[in-house]
């Protein structure tokens, strides 16, 4: 049976209208080029290449088998094009459906229907696993949708989800004209969620990770001093007294009159002799 998958004309490096003489000429050239004896360590590859060249030549050099092959190849090509066309239509339909659903999410957010928006967002997340479907929106709407979703999840008390959206906007908003007006507000929300929500119920080792993220926000000296003080408290709970002392000193270097340090100092003096702060 003649293959309708492999393009024998491509194998012989010729076009479909060539004469039998040109087929023979190309065949001789290719057989010399891919002869296994001249390909050393690639001998097995060359043997396979030679076999398909011979198969293509036997099919196309005979007028009867060439005519049969041409009919089958043409039929296969038409079917392949039809399948690709159908696939494109399916993809287009799917994209239009996603766009409509994403627009509905944004519309609900803008109109105050937060619960509907979240339900539709989470349903679409399950249907489009691993796909950033909000990218179907224009950039301005995309950022607004991210921000409104973050705000909604924050109000619902789902702070881990909210923080992901806020951090996304913060990172990309630094260099985007439309988003710059959001950066200051988003930075404050990130700080508040980490310091007032997530760290309160987190074990000290996890809280330290949250505080590290807050430090990356490049807050002012007073705010950073407070963060270093809170980190010192975490290290005390972990009984890592030297680390606690280092962070306490950093806090004081940023704000010498920092309040609320007596408990930390008292605890440290129990474990670090001759402590002077």
Protein backbone atom coordinates (compact mmCIF):
# COMPACT_ATOMS: atom_id res chain seq x y z
CA UNK A 1 0.00 0.00 0.00
CA UNK A 2 1.38 3.42 -0.98
CA UNK A 3 1.79 5.78 1.94
CA UNK A 4 -0.41 8.86 1.90
CA UNK A 5 1.32 10.43 4.89
CA UNK A 6 4.91 10.84 3.72
CA UNK A 7 5.47 13.44 1.01
CA UNK A 8 7.72 11.57 -1.44
CA UNK A 9 8.34 14.71 -3.44
CA UNK A 10 9.82 16.36 -0.35
CA UNK A 11 11.89 13.22 0.33
CA UNK A 12 13.43 13.45 -3.14
CA UNK A 13 13.71 17.26 -2.87
CA UNK A 14 11.70 17.89 -6.04
CA UNK A 15 8.38 19.53 -6.90
CA UNK A 16 5.30 17.63 -8.05
CA UNK A 17 5.51 18.52 -11.75
CA UNK A 18 9.02 17.22 -12.47
CA UNK A 19 9.80 14.72 -15.22
CA UNK A 20 10.90 11.11 -14.71
CA UNK A 21 14.46 12.07 -15.71
CA UNK A 22 14.61 14.73 -13.02
CA UNK A 23 13.35 12.19 -10.48
CA UNK A 24 16.18 9.82 -11.43
CA UNK A 25 18.75 12.60 -11.30
CA UNK A 26 17.69 13.73 -7.83
CA UNK A 27 17.57 10.12 -6.63
CA UNK A 28 21.20 9.47 -7.70
CA UNK A 29 22.37 12.65 -5.98
CA UNK A 30 20.60 11.84 -2.71
CA UNK A 31 21.73 8.19 -2.63
CA UNK A 32 25.34 9.38 -2.82
CA UNK A 33 24.75 12.09 -0.23
CA UNK A 34 23.19 9.76 2.35
CA UNK A 35 25.12 6.54 1.67
CA UNK A 36 25.66 4.81 5.08
CA UNK A 37 29.36 4.19 4.40
CA UNK A 38 30.18 7.91 4.56
CA UNK A 39 28.21 8.70 7.73
CA UNK A 40 30.31 6.87 10.31
CA UNK A 41 28.59 7.05 13.73
CA UNK A 42 25.33 8.10 12.03
CA UNK A 43 25.24 4.97 9.88
CA UNK A 44 21.89 3.71 11.22
CA UNK A 45 20.28 7.08 10.56
CA UNK A 46 21.73 7.12 7.03
CA UNK A 47 20.39 3.61 6.36
CA UNK A 48 16.88 4.71 7.36
CA UNK A 49 17.20 7.83 5.22
CA UNK A 50 18.36 5.75 2.24
CA UNK A 51 15.46 3.32 2.59
CA UNK A 52 12.84 6.06 2.44
CA UNK A 53 14.61 7.65 -0.53
CA UNK A 54 14.52 4.31 -2.39
CA UNK A 55 10.86 3.83 -1.48
CA UNK A 56 10.02 7.30 -2.78
CA UNK A 57 11.99 6.70 -5.99
CA UNK A 58 10.33 3.34 -6.72
CA UNK A 59 6.91 4.95 -6.30
CA UNK A 60 7.47 8.08 -8.36
CA UNK A 61 9.69 6.68 -11.13
CA UNK A 62 6.93 4.36 -12.36
CA UNK A 63 4.07 6.22 -14.09
CA UNK A 64 1.32 3.91 -12.78
CA UNK A 65 2.34 3.96 -9.13
CA UNK A 66 3.08 7.67 -9.36
CA UNK A 67 -0.44 8.38 -10.62
CA UNK A 68 -1.93 6.28 -7.83
CA UNK A 69 0.26 8.00 -5.24
CA UNK A 70 -0.69 11.46 -6.53
CA UNK A 71 -4.41 10.68 -6.15
CA UNK A 72 -3.98 9.36 -2.60
CA UNK A 73 -1.65 12.16 -1.58
CA UNK A 74 -4.02 14.82 -2.93
CA UNK A 75 -6.95 13.24 -1.09
CA UNK A 76 -4.94 13.11 2.15
CA UNK A 77 -3.89 16.74 1.75
CA UNK A 78 -7.49 17.90 1.28
CA UNK A 79 -8.61 16.00 4.38
CA UNK A 80 -5.74 17.45 6.38
CA UNK A 81 -6.66 20.99 5.36
CA UNK A 82 -10.29 20.36 6.28
CA UNK A 83 -9.29 19.07 9.72
CA UNK A 84 -7.08 22.10 10.33
CA UNK A 85 -9.92 24.41 9.26
CA UNK A 86 -12.35 22.68 11.63
CA UNK A 87 -9.83 22.89 14.45
CA UNK A 88 -9.36 26.62 13.85
CA UNK A 89 -13.13 27.10 13.98
CA UNK A 90 -13.33 25.15 17.25
CA UNK A 91 -10.52 27.24 18.77
CA UNK A 92 -12.18 30.46 17.62
CA UNK A 93 -15.51 29.39 19.14
CA UNK A 94 -13.82 28.46 22.40
CA UNK A 95 -11.98 31.81 22.55
CA UNK A 96 -15.22 33.70 21.96
CA UNK A 97 -16.91 31.76 24.77
CA UNK A 98 -14.05 32.51 27.19
CA UNK A 99 -14.07 36.19 26.24
CA UNK A 100 -17.81 36.43 26.89
CA UNK A 101 -17.41 34.79 30.30
CA UNK A 102 -14.46 37.01 31.22
CA UNK A 103 -16.37 40.14 30.22
CA UNK A 104 -19.26 39.02 32.43
CA UNK A 105 -16.87 38.68 35.38
CA UNK A 106 -15.59 42.22 34.87
CA UNK A 107 -19.11 43.56 34.40
CA UNK A 108 -20.27 41.98 37.67
CA UNK A 109 -17.25 43.40 39.50
CA UNK A 110 -17.89 46.89 38.18
CA UNK A 111 -21.59 46.69 39.05
CA UNK A 112 -21.01 45.49 42.59
CA UNK A 113 -22.08 41.89 42.04
CA UNK A 114 -18.94 40.55 43.68
CA UNK A 115 -20.29 37.14 44.66
CA UNK A 116 -21.42 36.39 41.10
CA UNK A 117 -18.06 37.54 39.77
CA UNK A 118 -16.09 35.29 42.12
CA UNK A 119 -18.30 32.27 41.40
CA UNK A 120 -17.91 32.77 37.64
CA UNK A 121 -14.17 33.37 37.98
CA UNK A 122 -13.64 30.17 39.97
CA UNK A 123 -15.85 28.18 37.58
CA UNK A 124 -13.84 29.47 34.62
CA UNK A 125 -10.58 28.67 36.46
CA UNK A 126 -11.67 25.04 36.70
CA UNK A 127 -12.70 24.95 33.04
CA UNK A 128 -9.45 26.56 31.86
CA UNK A 129 -6.85 25.04 34.16
CA UNK A 130 -3.41 26.55 33.65
CA UNK A 131 -4.69 29.22 31.23
CA UNK A 132 -4.46 32.96 31.97
CA UNK A 133 -7.92 33.60 30.54
CA UNK A 134 -8.11 37.18 31.81
CA UNK A 135 -5.61 38.02 29.05
CA UNK A 136 -8.59 38.01 26.70
CA UNK A 137 -9.31 41.48 28.07
CA UNK A 138 -7.62 44.67 26.94
CA UNK A 139 -4.71 45.67 29.18
CA UNK A 140 -6.57 48.41 31.07
CA UNK A 141 -9.54 46.13 31.75
CA UNK A 142 -7.15 43.28 32.59
CA UNK A 143 -5.48 45.26 35.41
CA UNK A 144 -8.80 46.60 36.68
CA UNK A 145 -10.25 43.09 36.77
CA UNK A 146 -7.22 41.78 38.69
CA UNK A 147 -7.50 44.61 41.21
CA UNK A 148 -11.24 44.21 41.74
CA UNK A 149 -10.86 40.46 42.19
CA UNK A 150 -8.11 41.06 44.76
CA UNK A 151 -10.34 43.53 46.60
CA UNK A 152 -13.25 41.08 46.57
CA UNK A 153 -11.18 38.16 47.89
CA UNK A 154 -9.74 40.43 50.60
CA UNK A 155 -13.26 41.36 51.75
CA UNK A 156 -14.18 37.68 51.76
CA UNK A 157 -11.24 36.99 54.05
CA UNK A 158 -9.38 34.91 51.45
CA UNK A 159 -6.15 36.79 51.97
CA UNK A 160 -3.81 34.27 50.32
CA UNK A 161 -5.74 34.61 47.06
CA UNK A 162 -6.02 38.37 47.35
CA UNK A 163 -2.29 38.80 47.92
CA UNK A 164 -1.46 36.94 44.70
CA UNK A 165 -3.52 39.42 42.69
CA UNK A 166 -2.14 42.44 44.53
CA UNK A 167 1.48 41.33 44.11
CA UNK A 168 0.89 40.72 40.40
CA UNK A 169 -0.44 44.27 39.96
CA UNK A 170 2.36 45.73 42.07
CA UNK A 171 5.15 44.07 40.08
CA UNK A 172 3.72 45.02 36.70
CA UNK A 173 2.38 48.40 37.72
CA UNK A 174 5.80 49.89 38.35
CA UNK A 175 6.50 50.33 34.64
CA UNK A 176 2.98 50.69 33.29
CA UNK A 177 1.49 54.15 32.93
CA UNK A 178 -2.10 53.11 33.60
CA UNK A 179 -1.23 51.02 36.66
CA UNK A 180 1.07 53.49 38.42
CA UNK A 181 -1.80 55.16 40.21
CA UNK A 182 -2.60 51.80 41.80
CA UNK A 183 0.90 50.98 43.00
CA UNK A 184 0.87 53.05 46.20
CA UNK A 185 -2.54 51.73 47.21
CA UNK A 186 -1.67 48.15 46.31
CA UNK A 187 1.60 48.39 48.27
CA UNK A 188 -0.31 49.47 51.37
CA UNK A 189 -2.81 46.64 50.96
CA UNK A 190 -0.03 44.08 50.58
CA UNK A 191 1.66 45.36 53.75
CA UNK A 192 -1.60 45.33 55.71
CA UNK A 193 -2.54 41.81 54.65
CA UNK A 194 0.86 40.41 55.52
CA UNK A 195 1.36 42.31 58.79
CA UNK A 196 -2.20 42.46 60.13
CA UNK A 197 -3.78 39.31 58.74
CA UNK A 198 -1.45 36.54 57.64
CA UNK A 199 1.32 36.89 60.24
CA UNK A 200 -1.10 36.91 63.18
CA UNK A 201 -2.15 33.30 62.75
CA UNK A 202 1.05 32.03 61.12
CA UNK A 203 3.77 30.06 62.94
CA UNK A 204 6.96 32.15 63.42
CA UNK A 205 8.91 30.48 60.59
CA UNK A 206 6.12 31.26 58.12
CA UNK A 207 5.61 34.74 59.51
CA UNK A 208 9.30 35.46 58.84
CA UNK A 209 8.70 34.67 55.17
CA UNK A 210 5.81 37.12 55.09
CA UNK A 211 7.92 39.86 56.70
CA UNK A 212 10.69 39.24 54.15
CA UNK A 213 8.18 39.92 51.40
CA UNK A 214 7.08 43.15 53.07
CA UNK A 215 10.70 44.33 53.21
CA UNK A 216 10.87 43.98 49.42
CA UNK A 217 8.17 46.66 49.12
CA UNK A 218 10.81 49.30 49.93
CA UNK A 219 8.83 51.02 52.67
CA UNK A 220 10.13 54.00 54.66
CA UNK A 221 12.62 53.63 57.53
CA UNK A 222 10.01 53.72 60.30
CA UNK A 223 7.94 51.01 58.66
CA UNK A 224 11.00 48.86 58.03
CA UNK A 225 12.08 49.32 61.65
CA UNK A 226 8.72 47.92 62.77
CA UNK A 227 9.14 44.92 60.43
CA UNK A 228 12.62 44.15 61.78
CA UNK A 229 11.27 44.35 65.33
CA UNK A 230 8.51 41.86 64.46
CA UNK A 231 11.11 39.57 62.89
CA UNK A 232 13.17 39.75 66.08
CA UNK A 233 10.10 38.59 68.00
CA UNK A 234 9.71 35.64 65.59
CA UNK A 235 13.31 34.59 66.10
CA UNK A 236 12.79 34.74 69.88
CA UNK A 237 9.90 32.31 69.55
CA UNK A 238 12.14 30.04 67.51
CA UNK A 239 14.86 30.37 70.19
CA UNK A 240 17.29 31.73 67.62
CA UNK A 241 18.59 34.46 69.90
CA UNK A 242 21.54 35.64 67.83
CA UNK A 243 19.27 36.22 64.83
CA UNK A 244 16.80 38.00 67.06
CA UNK A 245 19.56 40.32 68.28
CA UNK A 246 20.74 41.08 64.74
CA UNK A 247 17.22 42.05 63.66
CA UNK A 248 16.64 44.08 66.78
CA UNK A 249 19.83 46.08 66.17
CA UNK A 250 18.79 46.65 62.55
CA UNK A 251 15.43 47.96 63.75
CA UNK A 252 17.15 50.39 66.14
CA UNK A 253 19.57 51.56 63.46
CA UNK A 254 16.57 52.58 61.39
CA UNK A 255 14.63 54.10 64.29
CA UNK A 256 16.66 54.65 67.51
CA UNK A 257 13.58 55.63 69.55
CA UNK A 258 11.57 52.59 68.47
CA UNK A 259 9.00 51.70 71.10
CA UNK A 260 7.92 48.33 72.49
CA UNK A 261 11.34 46.70 72.86
CA UNK A 262 11.44 45.99 76.59
CA UNK A 263 10.09 42.44 76.35
CA UNK A 264 12.53 41.57 73.60
CA UNK A 265 15.50 43.02 75.53
CA UNK A 266 14.52 41.24 78.74
CA UNK A 267 14.23 37.92 76.94
CA UNK A 268 17.54 38.34 75.14
CA UNK A 269 19.42 39.19 78.35
CA UNK A 270 18.48 35.77 79.69
CA UNK A 271 20.36 34.03 76.90
CA UNK A 272 23.04 36.48 75.75
CA UNK A 273 25.52 37.47 78.49
CA UNK A 274 26.71 41.08 78.70
CA UNK A 275 24.00 42.21 76.29
CA UNK A 276 24.14 45.95 75.64
CA UNK A 277 21.64 47.63 73.38
